[in-house]
Amino acid sequence: MANIVPERDETYLKELINPIGVLCVNKIINKNRYNTDSARNLGTWSNGKGYVENLYVTKTGNYFRHYVGSSQEPTEDIEALTYKDAKAWADKHLTKDEYKAIFEGEPEKTVSGTVELLRITLPIEMVKELREKKEVTGANVSWQIKKALLDAGYCKTKR
């Protein structure tokens, strides 16, 4: 059964423990760290026979799949995924609503034109400043970033 797991509870953690009782939560692949403790769980799928897969995204936007289960031998591993592979996994294993909640960044038509949700990584202090400015001025974070890019000459489009 697929579900978005915003916070891990005891039952969820028990599902991840493989038959020999080891919890694999950390792996380095191509110099990138994939850690189930610090990444966000986007969805879970199980075949109902002891095999469980989880889709994660790291704080830096890297996707990976953590799987635990057994066919003949106990198996557990972490596999790095491209954005395209993560979308394919979610499309296959999650509901349409869950898929949409994760990948809603696809371009969409709006009254004022076409917009796209873009996930970016900023230093936490910068995010705090942008949010504080929003409280004072009412200007949302997206508008502040857009204005800064326009003012700096990085973009010409004013929409």
C-alpha atoms as a PDB file:
ATOM      1  CA  MET A   1       0.000   0.000   0.000  1.00  0.00           C
ATOM      2  CA  ALA A   2       1.501   3.327  -1.040  1.00  0.00           C
ATOM      3  CA  ASN A   3       1.566   6.287   1.289  1.00  0.00           C
ATOM      4  CA  ILE A   4       3.426   9.500   1.938  1.00  0.00           C
ATOM      5  CA  VAL A   5       5.241   9.191   5.243  1.00  0.00           C
ATOM      6  CA  PRO A   6       5.896  12.673   6.656  1.00  0.00           C
ATOM      7  CA  GLU A   7       7.322  11.378   9.926  1.00  0.00           C
ATOM      8  CA  ARG A   8       8.565   7.943  10.814  1.00  0.00           C
ATOM      9  CA  ASP A   9       6.774   6.117  13.568  1.00  0.00           C
ATOM     10  CA  GLU A  10       7.759   2.893  15.304  1.00  0.00           C
ATOM     11  CA  THR A  11       5.654   0.714  12.988  1.00  0.00           C
ATOM     12  CA  TYR A  12       7.213   2.300   9.916  1.00  0.00           C
ATOM     13  CA  LEU A  13      10.744   1.723  11.229  1.00  0.00           C
ATOM     14  CA  LYS A  14       9.948  -1.927  11.931  1.00  0.00           C
ATOM     15  CA  GLU A  15       8.910  -2.329   8.290  1.00  0.00           C
ATOM     16  CA  LEU A  16      12.370  -1.187   7.203  1.00  0.00           C
ATOM     17  CA  ILE A  17      14.297  -3.681   9.341  1.00  0.00           C
ATOM     18  CA  ASN A  18      15.358  -6.582   7.213  1.00  0.00           C
ATOM     19  CA  PRO A  19      15.035 -10.239   8.240  1.00  0.00           C
ATOM     20  CA  ILE A  20      18.483 -10.285   9.873  1.00  0.00           C
ATOM     21  CA  GLY A  21      17.711  -7.166  11.922  1.00  0.00           C
ATOM     22  CA  VAL A  22      20.072  -4.653  10.265  1.00  0.00           C
ATOM     23  CA  LEU A  23      18.852  -1.222   9.214  1.00  0.00           C
ATOM     24  CA  CYS A  24      20.715   0.180   6.208  1.00  0.00           C
ATOM     25  CA  VAL A  25      20.302   3.937   6.224  1.00  0.00           C
ATOM     26  CA  ASN A  26      23.483   5.363   4.749  1.00  0.00           C
ATOM     27  CA  LYS A  27      25.424   4.896   1.516  1.00  0.00           C
ATOM     28  CA  ILE A  28      27.825   6.978  -0.561  1.00  0.00           C
ATOM     29  CA  ILE A  29      27.369   6.685  -4.329  1.00  0.00           C
ATOM     30  CA  ASN A  30      29.509   8.760  -6.725  1.00  0.00           C
ATOM     31  CA  LYS A  31      30.618  11.010  -3.843  1.00  0.00           C
ATOM     32  CA  ASN A  32      26.982  11.742  -2.847  1.00  0.00           C
ATOM     33  CA  ARG A  33      25.670  10.660   0.547  1.00  0.00           C
ATOM     34  CA  TYR A  34      22.268   8.963   0.613  1.00  0.00           C
ATOM     35  CA  ASN A  35      20.918   8.719   4.155  1.00  0.00           C
ATOM     36  CA  THR A  36      17.383   7.688   5.054  1.00  0.00           C
ATOM     37  CA  ASP A  37      17.633   9.522   8.382  1.00  0.00           C
ATOM     38  CA  SER A  38      18.264  12.940   6.839  1.00  0.00           C
ATOM     39  CA  ALA A  39      16.383  12.554   3.529  1.00  0.00           C
ATOM     40  CA  ARG A  40      12.647  13.084   3.084  1.00  0.00           C
ATOM     41  CA  ASN A  41      10.584   9.958   2.476  1.00  0.00           C
ATOM     42  CA  LEU A  42       8.320  10.623  -0.509  1.00  0.00           C
ATOM     43  CA  GLY A  43       6.508   7.317  -0.646  1.00  0.00           C
ATOM     44  CA  THR A  44       6.456   3.685   0.361  1.00  0.00           C
ATOM     45  CA  TRP A  45       5.428   0.593  -1.542  1.00  0.00           C
ATOM     46  CA  SER A  46       5.253  -3.016  -0.400  1.00  0.00           C
ATOM     47  CA  ASN A  47       4.397  -6.225  -2.182  1.00  0.00           C
ATOM     48  CA  GLY A  48       2.730  -7.479   1.012  1.00  0.00           C
ATOM     49  CA  LYS A  49       5.192 -10.360   1.301  1.00  0.00           C
ATOM     50  CA  GLY A  50       7.966  -8.678   3.273  1.00  0.00           C
ATOM     51  CA  TYR A  51       9.480  -6.592   0.467  1.00  0.00           C
ATOM     52  CA  VAL A  52       9.355  -2.804   0.989  1.00  0.00           C
ATOM     53  CA  GLU A  53      10.644   0.036  -1.201  1.00  0.00           C
ATOM     54  CA  ASN A  54      10.895   3.693  -0.174  1.00  0.00           C
ATOM     55  CA  LEU A  55      11.494   6.693  -2.412  1.00  0.00           C
ATOM     56  CA  TYR A  56      13.556   9.479  -0.848  1.00  0.00           C
ATOM     57  CA  VAL A  57      14.901  12.880  -1.816  1.00  0.00           C
ATOM     58  CA  THR A  58      17.974  14.348  -0.110  1.00  0.00           C
ATOM     59  CA  LYS A  59      18.283  17.948   1.040  1.00  0.00           C
ATOM     60  CA  THR A  60      20.338  18.609  -2.094  1.00  0.00           C
ATOM     61  CA  GLY A  61      17.612  17.220  -4.376  1.00  0.00           C
ATOM     62  CA  ASN A  62      19.079  13.796  -5.135  1.00  0.00           C
ATOM     63  CA  TYR A  63      16.559  10.969  -5.367  1.00  0.00           C
ATOM     64  CA  PHE A  64      17.124   7.433  -4.176  1.00  0.00           C
ATOM     65  CA  ARG A  65      15.328   4.182  -3.517  1.00  0.00           C
ATOM     66  CA  HIS A  66      15.824   2.200  -0.312  1.00  0.00           C
ATOM     67  CA  TYR A  67      14.616  -1.355  -0.428  1.00  0.00           C
ATOM     68  CA  VAL A  68      14.385  -4.099   2.161  1.00  0.00           C
ATOM     69  CA  GLY A  69      13.082  -7.605   1.756  1.00  0.00           C
ATOM     70  CA  SER A  70      13.830 -11.090   0.719  1.00  0.00           C
ATOM     71  CA  SER A  71      13.278 -13.343  -2.183  1.00  0.00           C
ATOM     72  CA  GLN A  72      15.569 -16.227  -1.291  1.00  0.00           C
ATOM     73  CA  GLU A  73      18.255 -14.229   0.533  1.00  0.00           C
ATOM     74  CA  PRO A  74      17.690 -11.178   2.785  1.00  0.00           C
ATOM     75  CA  THR A  75      18.292  -8.051   0.718  1.00  0.00           C
ATOM     76  CA  GLU A  76      18.719  -4.415   1.612  1.00  0.00           C
ATOM     77  CA  ASP A  77      20.294  -1.583  -0.345  1.00  0.00           C
ATOM     78  CA  ILE A  78      20.125   2.023  -1.442  1.00  0.00           C
ATOM     79  CA  GLU A  79      20.028   2.868  -5.153  1.00  0.00           C
ATOM     80  CA  ALA A  80      20.576   6.389  -6.533  1.00  0.00           C
ATOM     81  CA  LEU A  81      17.882   7.486  -9.007  1.00  0.00           C
ATOM     82  CA  THR A  82      17.723  10.205 -11.619  1.00  0.00           C
ATOM     83  CA  TYR A  83      14.782  12.608 -11.483  1.00  0.00           C
ATOM     84  CA  LYS A  84      13.281  10.727 -14.434  1.00  0.00           C
ATOM     85  CA  ASP A  85      13.721   7.365 -12.679  1.00  0.00           C
ATOM     86  CA  ALA A  86      12.200   8.728  -9.456  1.00  0.00           C
ATOM     87  CA  LYS A  87       9.158   9.936 -11.415  1.00  0.00           C
ATOM     88  CA  ALA A  88       8.839   6.537 -13.103  1.00  0.00           C
ATOM     89  CA  TRP A  89       9.051   4.760  -9.708  1.00  0.00           C
ATOM     90  CA  ALA A  90       6.394   7.062  -8.229  1.00  0.00           C
ATOM     91  CA  ASP A  91       4.164   6.660 -11.288  1.00  0.00           C
ATOM     92  CA  LYS A  92       4.340   2.878 -10.961  1.00  0.00           C
ATOM     93  CA  HIS A  93       4.020   2.541  -7.174  1.00  0.00           C
ATOM     94  CA  LEU A  94       2.074   5.539  -5.837  1.00  0.00           C
ATOM     95  CA  THR A  95      -1.438   6.853  -6.337  1.00  0.00           C
ATOM     96  CA  LYS A  96      -2.062   9.675  -8.802  1.00  0.00           C
ATOM     97  CA  ASP A  97      -2.633  12.125  -5.929  1.00  0.00           C
ATOM     98  CA  GLU A  98       0.617  11.097  -4.231  1.00  0.00           C
ATOM     99  CA  TYR A  99       2.510  11.409  -7.516  1.00  0.00           C
ATOM    100  CA  LYS A 100       1.045  14.857  -8.123  1.00  0.00           C
ATOM    101  CA  ALA A 101       1.916  15.988  -4.582  1.00  0.00           C
ATOM    102  CA  ILE A 102       5.562  15.043  -5.139  1.00  0.00           C
ATOM    103  CA  PHE A 103       6.071  16.151  -8.730  1.00  0.00           C
ATOM    104  CA  GLU A 104       3.730  19.126  -8.941  1.00  0.00           C
ATOM    105  CA  GLY A 105       6.629  21.157 -10.285  1.00  0.00           C
ATOM    106  CA  GLU A 106       5.680  20.347 -13.831  1.00  0.00           C
ATOM    107  CA  PRO A 107       4.942  23.468 -15.858  1.00  0.00           C
ATOM    108  CA  GLU A 108       1.331  24.573 -15.598  1.00  0.00           C
ATOM    109  CA  LYS A 109      -0.743  27.141 -17.420  1.00  0.00           C
ATOM    110  CA  THR A 110      -1.912  30.114 -15.393  1.00  0.00           C
ATOM    111  CA  VAL A 111      -3.942  33.204 -16.199  1.00  0.00           C
ATOM    112  CA  SER A 112      -0.758  35.280 -16.484  1.00  0.00           C
ATOM    113  CA  GLY A 113       1.240  32.790 -18.570  1.00  0.00           C
ATOM    114  CA  THR A 114       3.240  29.649 -17.965  1.00  0.00           C
ATOM    115  CA  VAL A 115       4.970  29.087 -14.621  1.00  0.00           C
ATOM    116  CA  GLU A 116       7.077  26.253 -13.300  1.00  0.00           C
ATOM    117  CA  LEU A 117       7.708  25.261  -9.711  1.00  0.00           C
ATOM    118  CA  LEU A 118      11.456  25.279  -9.164  1.00  0.00           C
ATOM    119  CA  ARG A 119      13.049  23.797  -6.079  1.00  0.00           C
ATOM    120  CA  ILE A 120      16.265  25.523  -5.097  1.00  0.00           C
ATOM    121  CA  THR A 121      18.677  25.142  -2.209  1.00  0.00           C
ATOM    122  CA  LEU A 122      19.603  28.293  -0.292  1.00  0.00           C
ATOM    123  CA  PRO A 123      21.583  28.837   2.911  1.00  0.00           C
ATOM    124  CA  ILE A 124      19.245  28.728   5.904  1.00  0.00           C
ATOM    125  CA  GLU A 125      20.174  32.271   6.962  1.00  0.00           C
ATOM    126  CA  MET A 126      19.159  33.567   3.529  1.00  0.00           C
ATOM    127  CA  VAL A 127      15.811  31.776   3.769  1.00  0.00           C
ATOM    128  CA  LYS A 128      15.251  33.246   7.235  1.00  0.00           C
ATOM    129  CA  GLU A 129      15.959  36.748   5.897  1.00  0.00           C
ATOM    130  CA  LEU A 130      13.550  36.261   2.992  1.00  0.00           C
ATOM    131  CA  ARG A 131      10.818  35.041   5.339  1.00  0.00           C
ATOM    132  CA  GLU A 132      11.415  37.931   7.749  1.00  0.00           C
ATOM    133  CA  LYS A 133      11.171  40.377   4.857  1.00  0.00           C
ATOM    134  CA  LYS A 134       7.897  38.727   3.835  1.00  0.00           C
ATOM    135  CA  GLU A 135       6.488  39.399   7.314  1.00  0.00           C
ATOM    136  CA  VAL A 136       7.447  43.084   7.062  1.00  0.00           C
ATOM    137  CA  THR A 137       6.653  43.829   3.414  1.00  0.00           C
ATOM    138  CA  GLY A 138       4.146  41.130   2.512  1.00  0.00           C
ATOM    139  CA  ALA A 139       6.246  40.202  -0.551  1.00  0.00           C
ATOM    140  CA  ASN A 140       6.367  36.404  -0.875  1.00  0.00           C
ATOM    141  CA  VAL A 141       9.711  34.633  -1.194  1.00  0.00           C
ATOM    142  CA  SER A 142       9.212  33.787  -4.888  1.00  0.00           C
ATOM    143  CA  TRP A 143       8.518  37.421  -5.739  1.00  0.00           C
ATOM    144  CA  GLN A 144      11.615  38.573  -3.789  1.00  0.00           C
ATOM    145  CA  ILE A 145      13.871  36.138  -5.654  1.00  0.00           C
ATOM    146  CA  LYS A 146      12.308  37.046  -9.013  1.00  0.00           C
ATOM    147  CA  LYS A 147      12.805  40.768  -8.303  1.00  0.00           C
ATOM    148  CA  ALA A 148      16.439  40.205  -7.259  1.00  0.00           C
ATOM    149  CA  LEU A 149      17.147  38.309 -10.501  1.00  0.00           C
ATOM    150  CA  LEU A 150      15.503  41.033 -12.582  1.00  0.00           C
ATOM    151  CA  ASP A 151      17.290  43.849 -10.709  1.00  0.00           C
ATOM    152  CA  ALA A 152      20.649  42.098 -11.121  1.00  0.00           C
ATOM    153  CA  GLY A 153      20.083  41.734 -14.874  1.00  0.00           C
ATOM    154  CA  TYR A 154      20.029  37.942 -14.894  1.00  0.00           C
ATOM    155  CA  CYS A 155      16.600  37.804 -16.486  1.00  0.00           C
ATOM    156  CA  LYS A 156      14.757  40.009 -18.972  1.00  0.00           C
ATOM    157  CA  THR A 157      11.255  38.540 -18.697  1.00  0.00           C
ATOM    158  CA  LYS A 158       9.163  40.590 -16.269  1.00  0.00           C
ATOM    159  CA  ARG A 159       6.253  38.150 -15.933  1.00  0.00           C
END
